[in-house]
Amino acid sequence: LTSADFRRSGYTHVKDGYFVLEDGKFKFRSILFKPDSTQYQRGTSNVEMAKLGVLYKFNTDKQFSIKLVGQTYEPNETGEGSKLALERADKIKHDLVSNGIPERKITVSEPTVADHDNNDDTADGRVTIYFVAPQKCSEK
């Protein structure tokens, strides 16, 4: 998985060089959702999922997988926020599979609790996409 793979797939903002992997994963981006919904926020569309599909299709070694982690803000123990976060991650997984990424390459993790001390009102309405790789990803 190289920066050239990303650029070939339409991610022109990705520069040449090494990707920083933390615990074997690269935090790629977050997908935002409308409040209390599994609908993408305006500006996020299936175009993003299609670009990820192209990235997978044209990557020759395919030695990476995708991990989806939703966020929730749960002031009580009802679990509704966690349920919604999982439904959002499942929506992204479905859209990625529809765009050619094998289901076995995608995992949905338990949601994390959003930190609302940073004035980020979108913190509980996102799913973060990670690329999980067995080795350092670099420009070839």
N, C-alpha and C. Protein backbone atom coordinates (compact mmCIF):
# COMPACT_ATOMS: atom_id res chain seq x y z
N LEU A 1 0.86 -1.18 0.00
CA LEU A 1 0.00 0.00 0.00
C LEU A 1 0.90 1.23 0.00
N THR A 2 0.89 1.95 -1.08
CA THR A 2 1.78 3.11 -1.22
C THR A 2 0.98 4.38 -1.44
N SER A 3 1.67 5.51 -1.31
CA SER A 3 1.01 6.78 -1.60
C SER A 3 0.60 6.84 -3.07
N ALA A 4 1.35 6.17 -3.94
CA ALA A 4 0.97 6.12 -5.36
C ALA A 4 -0.37 5.40 -5.53
N ASP A 5 -0.61 4.35 -4.73
CA ASP A 5 -1.91 3.66 -4.77
C ASP A 5 -3.04 4.63 -4.43
N PHE A 6 -2.82 5.45 -3.41
CA PHE A 6 -3.85 6.42 -3.01
C PHE A 6 -4.08 7.44 -4.11
N ARG A 7 -3.01 7.99 -4.67
CA ARG A 7 -3.17 8.99 -5.73
C ARG A 7 -3.85 8.41 -6.95
N ARG A 8 -3.52 7.18 -7.33
CA ARG A 8 -4.13 6.53 -8.48
C ARG A 8 -5.64 6.36 -8.27
N SER A 9 -6.05 6.27 -7.01
CA SER A 9 -7.46 6.08 -6.69
C SER A 9 -8.22 7.40 -6.52
N GLY A 10 -7.54 8.52 -6.72
CA GLY A 10 -8.21 9.80 -6.64
C GLY A 10 -7.94 10.60 -5.38
N TYR A 11 -7.07 10.11 -4.50
CA TYR A 11 -6.73 10.84 -3.29
C TYR A 11 -5.48 11.67 -3.56
N THR A 12 -5.66 12.80 -4.22
CA THR A 12 -4.53 13.62 -4.64
C THR A 12 -3.83 14.31 -3.48
N HIS A 13 -4.46 14.40 -2.32
CA HIS A 13 -3.84 15.07 -1.17
C HIS A 13 -2.80 14.20 -0.48
N VAL A 14 -2.74 12.91 -0.79
CA VAL A 14 -1.78 12.00 -0.15
C VAL A 14 -0.41 12.20 -0.80
N LYS A 15 0.57 12.53 0.01
CA LYS A 15 1.92 12.83 -0.49
C LYS A 15 2.80 11.59 -0.50
N ASP A 16 3.90 11.68 -1.22
CA ASP A 16 4.87 10.60 -1.25
C ASP A 16 5.49 10.42 0.13
N GLY A 17 5.93 9.21 0.40
CA GLY A 17 6.65 8.95 1.64
C GLY A 17 6.02 7.85 2.45
N TYR A 18 6.37 7.83 3.72
CA TYR A 18 5.92 6.77 4.62
C TYR A 18 4.62 7.13 5.31
N PHE A 19 3.78 6.11 5.49
CA PHE A 19 2.57 6.27 6.28
C PHE A 19 2.93 5.90 7.71
N VAL A 20 2.47 6.66 8.66
CA VAL A 20 2.74 6.34 10.05
C VAL A 20 1.71 5.33 10.52
N LEU A 21 2.20 4.17 10.90
CA LEU A 21 1.32 3.13 11.43
C LEU A 21 1.40 3.16 12.95
N GLU A 22 0.27 3.19 13.59
CA GLU A 22 0.22 3.09 15.04
C GLU A 22 -0.47 1.78 15.38
N ASP A 23 0.23 0.91 16.09
CA ASP A 23 -0.28 -0.42 16.40
C ASP A 23 -0.72 -1.16 15.14
N GLY A 24 0.04 -0.99 14.06
CA GLY A 24 -0.23 -1.70 12.82
C GLY A 24 -1.37 -1.13 11.99
N LYS A 25 -1.84 0.09 12.33
CA LYS A 25 -2.94 0.65 11.54
C LYS A 25 -2.69 2.11 11.21
N PHE A 26 -3.25 2.55 10.10
CA PHE A 26 -3.13 3.91 9.61
C PHE A 26 -4.52 4.54 9.65
N LYS A 27 -4.66 5.61 10.42
CA LYS A 27 -5.95 6.31 10.50
C LYS A 27 -6.13 7.09 9.21
N PHE A 28 -7.08 6.63 8.41
CA PHE A 28 -7.26 7.22 7.08
C PHE A 28 -8.16 8.44 7.11
N ARG A 29 -9.39 8.26 7.54
CA ARG A 29 -10.31 9.40 7.59
C ARG A 29 -11.55 9.04 8.37
N SER A 30 -12.35 10.05 8.67
CA SER A 30 -13.61 9.84 9.36
C SER A 30 -14.75 10.20 8.44
N ILE A 31 -15.79 9.41 8.50
CA ILE A 31 -17.01 9.65 7.72
C ILE A 31 -18.05 10.20 8.69
N LEU A 32 -18.64 11.33 8.35
CA LEU A 32 -19.61 11.99 9.23
C LEU A 32 -21.04 11.62 8.85
N PHE A 33 -21.88 11.54 9.88
CA PHE A 33 -23.29 11.20 9.71
C PHE A 33 -24.16 12.31 10.27
N LYS A 34 -25.39 12.38 9.76
CA LYS A 34 -26.37 13.32 10.30
C LYS A 34 -26.70 12.91 11.73
N PRO A 35 -27.07 13.86 12.58
CA PRO A 35 -27.40 13.53 13.97
C PRO A 35 -28.51 12.48 14.07
N ASP A 36 -28.32 11.52 14.96
CA ASP A 36 -29.32 10.48 15.23
C ASP A 36 -29.76 9.73 13.97
N SER A 37 -28.83 9.51 13.04
CA SER A 37 -29.18 8.93 11.75
C SER A 37 -28.05 8.06 11.22
N THR A 38 -28.40 7.18 10.30
CA THR A 38 -27.39 6.42 9.57
C THR A 38 -27.19 6.99 8.17
N GLN A 39 -27.64 8.21 7.95
CA GLN A 39 -27.47 8.88 6.66
C GLN A 39 -26.20 9.73 6.70
N TYR A 40 -25.43 9.66 5.62
CA TYR A 40 -24.21 10.46 5.55
C TYR A 40 -24.53 11.94 5.62
N GLN A 41 -23.61 12.67 6.24
CA GLN A 41 -23.75 14.12 6.27
C GLN A 41 -23.48 14.65 4.87
N ARG A 42 -24.04 15.78 4.55
CA ARG A 42 -23.83 16.37 3.23
C ARG A 42 -22.33 16.52 2.99
N GLY A 43 -21.88 16.24 1.80
CA GLY A 43 -20.47 16.30 1.48
C GLY A 43 -19.80 14.92 1.55
N THR A 44 -20.46 13.98 2.20
CA THR A 44 -19.96 12.60 2.23
C THR A 44 -20.93 11.78 1.40
N SER A 45 -20.38 11.02 0.47
CA SER A 45 -21.27 10.27 -0.41
C SER A 45 -20.65 8.93 -0.78
N ASN A 46 -21.33 8.24 -1.63
CA ASN A 46 -20.81 6.97 -2.12
C ASN A 46 -19.59 7.15 -3.00
N VAL A 47 -19.30 8.39 -3.39
CA VAL A 47 -18.08 8.65 -4.15
C VAL A 47 -16.88 8.22 -3.32
N GLU A 48 -16.92 8.51 -2.03
CA GLU A 48 -15.82 8.12 -1.14
C GLU A 48 -15.67 6.61 -1.09
N MET A 49 -16.79 5.90 -0.98
CA MET A 49 -16.74 4.45 -0.93
C MET A 49 -16.22 3.88 -2.26
N ALA A 50 -16.60 4.52 -3.37
CA ALA A 50 -16.14 4.08 -4.69
C ALA A 50 -14.62 4.26 -4.81
N LYS A 51 -14.10 5.37 -4.30
CA LYS A 51 -12.66 5.61 -4.35
C LYS A 51 -11.91 4.56 -3.54
N LEU A 52 -12.46 4.18 -2.40
CA LEU A 52 -11.83 3.13 -1.60
C LEU A 52 -11.87 1.79 -2.33
N GLY A 53 -12.95 1.54 -3.06
CA GLY A 53 -13.04 0.33 -3.87
C GLY A 53 -11.97 0.31 -4.96
N VAL A 54 -11.75 1.44 -5.59
CA VAL A 54 -10.71 1.56 -6.62
C VAL A 54 -9.33 1.35 -5.98
N LEU A 55 -9.13 1.90 -4.81
CA LEU A 55 -7.86 1.72 -4.10
C LEU A 55 -7.59 0.24 -3.88
N TYR A 56 -8.60 -0.49 -3.45
CA TYR A 56 -8.42 -1.93 -3.23
C TYR A 56 -8.17 -2.66 -4.56
N LYS A 57 -8.95 -2.32 -5.56
CA LYS A 57 -8.85 -3.02 -6.85
C LYS A 57 -7.47 -2.88 -7.47
N PHE A 58 -6.89 -1.70 -7.41
CA PHE A 58 -5.62 -1.45 -8.09
C PHE A 58 -4.40 -1.65 -7.21
N ASN A 59 -4.59 -2.00 -5.94
CA ASN A 59 -3.45 -2.32 -5.08
C ASN A 59 -3.04 -3.75 -5.36
N THR A 60 -1.80 -3.97 -5.72
CA THR A 60 -1.39 -5.30 -6.19
C THR A 60 -1.25 -6.33 -5.09
N ASP A 61 -0.76 -5.96 -3.91
CA ASP A 61 -0.52 -6.99 -2.90
C ASP A 61 -1.72 -7.25 -1.98
N LYS A 62 -2.60 -6.29 -1.84
CA LYS A 62 -3.83 -6.43 -1.05
C LYS A 62 -3.55 -6.99 0.35
N GLN A 63 -2.41 -6.62 0.92
CA GLN A 63 -2.06 -7.08 2.25
C GLN A 63 -2.52 -6.10 3.32
N PHE A 64 -3.62 -5.48 3.10
CA PHE A 64 -4.19 -4.61 4.13
C PHE A 64 -5.65 -4.97 4.30
N SER A 65 -6.17 -4.60 5.44
CA SER A 65 -7.60 -4.75 5.68
C SER A 65 -8.11 -3.40 6.19
N ILE A 66 -9.40 -3.32 6.37
CA ILE A 66 -10.02 -2.08 6.82
C ILE A 66 -10.73 -2.33 8.14
N LYS A 67 -10.53 -1.43 9.08
CA LYS A 67 -11.19 -1.50 10.38
C LYS A 67 -12.05 -0.25 10.53
N LEU A 68 -13.31 -0.45 10.90
CA LEU A 68 -14.25 0.65 11.08
C LEU A 68 -14.58 0.80 12.56
N VAL A 69 -14.43 2.01 13.07
CA VAL A 69 -14.70 2.27 14.49
C VAL A 69 -15.63 3.46 14.61
N GLY A 70 -16.87 3.20 15.05
CA GLY A 70 -17.83 4.26 15.28
C GLY A 70 -17.61 4.92 16.63
N GLN A 71 -18.15 6.10 16.79
CA GLN A 71 -18.07 6.80 18.07
C GLN A 71 -19.47 7.06 18.59
N THR A 72 -19.56 7.09 19.91
CA THR A 72 -20.83 7.35 20.56
C THR A 72 -20.62 8.26 21.75
N TYR A 73 -21.66 8.96 22.11
CA TYR A 73 -21.67 9.74 23.35
C TYR A 73 -22.84 9.21 24.14
N GLU A 74 -22.55 8.52 25.21
CA GLU A 74 -23.62 7.90 25.99
C GLU A 74 -23.63 8.43 27.41
N PRO A 75 -24.50 9.39 27.68
CA PRO A 75 -24.56 9.92 29.04
C PRO A 75 -25.22 8.95 30.03
N ASN A 76 -25.83 7.89 29.50
CA ASN A 76 -26.45 6.91 30.39
C ASN A 76 -26.12 5.51 29.88
N GLU A 77 -26.68 4.54 30.47
CA GLU A 77 -26.35 3.14 30.15
C GLU A 77 -27.36 2.48 29.20
N THR A 78 -28.10 3.25 28.42
CA THR A 78 -29.12 2.66 27.55
C THR A 78 -28.54 1.88 26.39
N GLY A 79 -27.35 2.28 25.92
CA GLY A 79 -26.73 1.58 24.81
C GLY A 79 -27.24 2.02 23.45
N GLU A 80 -28.15 2.98 23.39
CA GLU A 80 -28.68 3.42 22.10
C GLU A 80 -27.60 4.05 21.23
N GLY A 81 -26.71 4.79 21.85
CA GLY A 81 -25.62 5.41 21.09
C GLY A 81 -24.69 4.38 20.49
N SER A 82 -24.38 3.35 21.26
CA SER A 82 -23.51 2.28 20.75
C SER A 82 -24.18 1.54 19.60
N LYS A 83 -25.47 1.32 19.74
CA LYS A 83 -26.22 0.64 18.67
C LYS A 83 -26.16 1.46 17.38
N LEU A 84 -26.37 2.77 17.49
CA LEU A 84 -26.34 3.65 16.32
C LEU A 84 -24.93 3.68 15.71
N ALA A 85 -23.91 3.73 16.55
CA ALA A 85 -22.53 3.74 16.05
C ALA A 85 -22.23 2.46 15.27
N LEU A 86 -22.70 1.33 15.75
CA LEU A 86 -22.50 0.06 15.04
C LEU A 86 -23.29 0.03 13.73
N GLU A 87 -24.50 0.57 13.74
CA GLU A 87 -25.30 0.62 12.51
C GLU A 87 -24.62 1.50 11.46
N ARG A 88 -24.01 2.60 11.89
CA ARG A 88 -23.29 3.47 10.96
C ARG A 88 -22.09 2.75 10.36
N ALA A 89 -21.33 2.06 11.20
CA ALA A 89 -20.17 1.32 10.70
C ALA A 89 -20.62 0.21 9.74
N ASP A 90 -21.73 -0.45 10.06
CA ASP A 90 -22.26 -1.48 9.17
C ASP A 90 -22.68 -0.90 7.82
N LYS A 91 -23.21 0.33 7.82
CA LYS A 91 -23.59 0.98 6.56
C LYS A 91 -22.34 1.20 5.69
N ILE A 92 -21.27 1.68 6.30
CA ILE A 92 -20.03 1.88 5.55
C ILE A 92 -19.52 0.55 5.03
N LYS A 93 -19.55 -0.48 5.88
CA LYS A 93 -19.09 -1.81 5.46
C LYS A 93 -19.89 -2.29 4.24
N HIS A 94 -21.20 -2.15 4.30
CA HIS A 94 -22.05 -2.55 3.18
C HIS A 94 -21.68 -1.78 1.91
N ASP A 95 -21.47 -0.48 2.05
CA ASP A 95 -21.13 0.33 0.88
C ASP A 95 -19.75 -0.04 0.32
N LEU A 96 -18.80 -0.39 1.20
CA LEU A 96 -17.48 -0.81 0.73
C LEU A 96 -17.55 -2.14 0.00
N VAL A 97 -18.33 -3.07 0.53
CA VAL A 97 -18.51 -4.36 -0.13
C VAL A 97 -19.16 -4.15 -1.51
N SER A 98 -20.13 -3.25 -1.57
CA SER A 98 -20.79 -2.94 -2.84
C SER A 98 -19.82 -2.36 -3.86
N ASN A 99 -18.71 -1.81 -3.37
CA ASN A 99 -17.71 -1.21 -4.25
C ASN A 99 -16.48 -2.10 -4.45
N GLY A 100 -16.63 -3.40 -4.16
CA GLY A 100 -15.59 -4.35 -4.53
C GLY A 100 -14.61 -4.78 -3.46
N ILE A 101 -14.76 -4.30 -2.25
CA ILE A 101 -13.85 -4.75 -1.19
C ILE A 101 -14.47 -5.98 -0.54
N PRO A 102 -13.73 -7.08 -0.49
CA PRO A 102 -14.28 -8.31 0.09
C PRO A 102 -14.67 -8.12 1.56
N GLU A 103 -15.81 -8.67 1.93
CA GLU A 103 -16.30 -8.54 3.30
C GLU A 103 -15.29 -9.05 4.31
N ARG A 104 -14.54 -10.07 3.96
CA ARG A 104 -13.55 -10.64 4.88
C ARG A 104 -12.41 -9.67 5.18
N LYS A 105 -12.26 -8.63 4.37
CA LYS A 105 -11.21 -7.63 4.57
C LYS A 105 -11.66 -6.47 5.46
N ILE A 106 -12.92 -6.49 5.92
CA ILE A 106 -13.47 -5.37 6.69
C ILE A 106 -13.94 -5.86 8.05
N THR A 107 -13.50 -5.18 9.10
CA THR A 107 -13.99 -5.50 10.44
C THR A 107 -14.63 -4.26 11.06
N VAL A 108 -15.65 -4.51 11.84
CA VAL A 108 -16.32 -3.45 12.59
C VAL A 108 -15.99 -3.67 14.06
N SER A 109 -15.37 -2.68 14.68
CA SER A 109 -14.99 -2.79 16.08
C SER A 109 -16.05 -2.16 16.98
N GLU A 110 -15.95 -2.49 18.26
CA GLU A 110 -16.84 -1.87 19.24
C GLU A 110 -16.64 -0.36 19.21
N PRO A 111 -17.72 0.41 19.35
CA PRO A 111 -17.59 1.87 19.31
C PRO A 111 -16.75 2.40 20.48
N THR A 112 -16.15 3.54 20.23
CA THR A 112 -15.45 4.25 21.29
C THR A 112 -16.33 5.39 21.78
N VAL A 113 -16.10 5.84 23.00
CA VAL A 113 -16.87 6.95 23.54
C VAL A 113 -16.19 8.24 23.12
N ALA A 114 -16.97 9.14 22.51
CA ALA A 114 -16.45 10.41 22.01
C ALA A 114 -16.07 11.32 23.17
N ASP A 115 -15.06 12.12 22.94
CA ASP A 115 -14.61 13.11 23.91
C ASP A 115 -15.25 14.44 23.56
N HIS A 116 -16.16 14.89 24.40
CA HIS A 116 -16.87 16.15 24.11
C HIS A 116 -16.23 17.36 24.77
N ASP A 117 -15.04 17.18 25.32
CA ASP A 117 -14.35 18.31 25.94
C ASP A 117 -13.60 19.15 24.92
N ASN A 118 -13.58 18.72 23.67
CA ASN A 118 -12.78 19.43 22.66
C ASN A 118 -13.62 20.31 21.74
N ASN A 119 -14.85 20.60 22.12
CA ASN A 119 -15.75 21.46 21.33
C ASN A 119 -16.03 20.91 19.94
N ASP A 120 -15.95 19.61 19.77
CA ASP A 120 -16.22 18.97 18.48
C ASP A 120 -17.62 18.38 18.53
N ASP A 121 -18.58 19.09 17.94
CA ASP A 121 -19.96 18.63 18.00
C ASP A 121 -20.25 17.48 17.03
N THR A 122 -19.26 17.09 16.24
CA THR A 122 -19.44 15.94 15.34
C THR A 122 -18.82 14.66 15.91
N ALA A 123 -18.24 14.75 17.10
CA ALA A 123 -17.47 13.63 17.65
C ALA A 123 -18.29 12.35 17.77
N ASP A 124 -19.58 12.46 18.08
CA ASP A 124 -20.38 11.25 18.24
C ASP A 124 -21.13 10.90 16.97
N GLY A 125 -20.83 11.55 15.86
CA GLY A 125 -21.51 11.27 14.60
C GLY A 125 -20.56 10.82 13.52
N ARG A 126 -19.51 10.10 13.91
CA ARG A 126 -18.53 9.71 12.91
C ARG A 126 -18.13 8.26 13.06
N VAL A 127 -17.63 7.74 11.94
CA VAL A 127 -17.00 6.43 11.92
C VAL A 127 -15.62 6.65 11.32
N THR A 128 -14.59 6.18 12.01
CA THR A 128 -13.22 6.34 11.52
C THR A 128 -12.82 5.08 10.76
N ILE A 129 -12.19 5.31 9.61
CA ILE A 129 -11.69 4.22 8.77
C ILE A 129 -10.20 4.10 8.99
N TYR A 130 -9.77 2.89 9.35
CA TYR A 130 -8.35 2.59 9.52
C TYR A 130 -7.93 1.56 8.47
N PHE A 131 -6.72 1.70 7.96
CA PHE A 131 -6.11 0.67 7.15
C PHE A 131 -5.19 -0.11 8.08
N VAL A 132 -5.35 -1.40 8.12
CA VAL A 132 -4.52 -2.26 8.96
C VAL A 132 -3.56 -2.99 8.04
N ALA A 133 -2.27 -2.83 8.32
CA ALA A 133 -1.25 -3.41 7.44
C ALA A 133 -0.23 -4.21 8.26
N PRO A 134 0.32 -5.25 7.67
CA PRO A 134 1.27 -6.09 8.38
C PRO A 134 2.66 -5.48 8.47
N GLN A 135 2.93 -4.44 7.74
CA GLN A 135 4.26 -3.85 7.72
C GLN A 135 4.15 -2.36 7.43
N LYS A 136 5.28 -1.68 7.47
CA LYS A 136 5.30 -0.26 7.17
C LYS A 136 4.83 -0.04 5.73
N CYS A 137 3.97 0.90 5.53
CA CYS A 137 3.51 1.25 4.18
C CYS A 137 4.39 2.39 3.69
N SER A 138 4.89 2.25 2.48
CA SER A 138 5.80 3.27 1.99
C SER A 138 5.66 3.47 0.49
N GLU A 139 6.23 4.54 0.04
CA GLU A 139 6.32 4.79 -1.40
C GLU A 139 7.31 3.79 -1.98
N LYS A 140 6.97 3.17 -3.11
CA LYS A 140 7.89 2.21 -3.73
C LYS A 140 8.62 2.85 -4.88
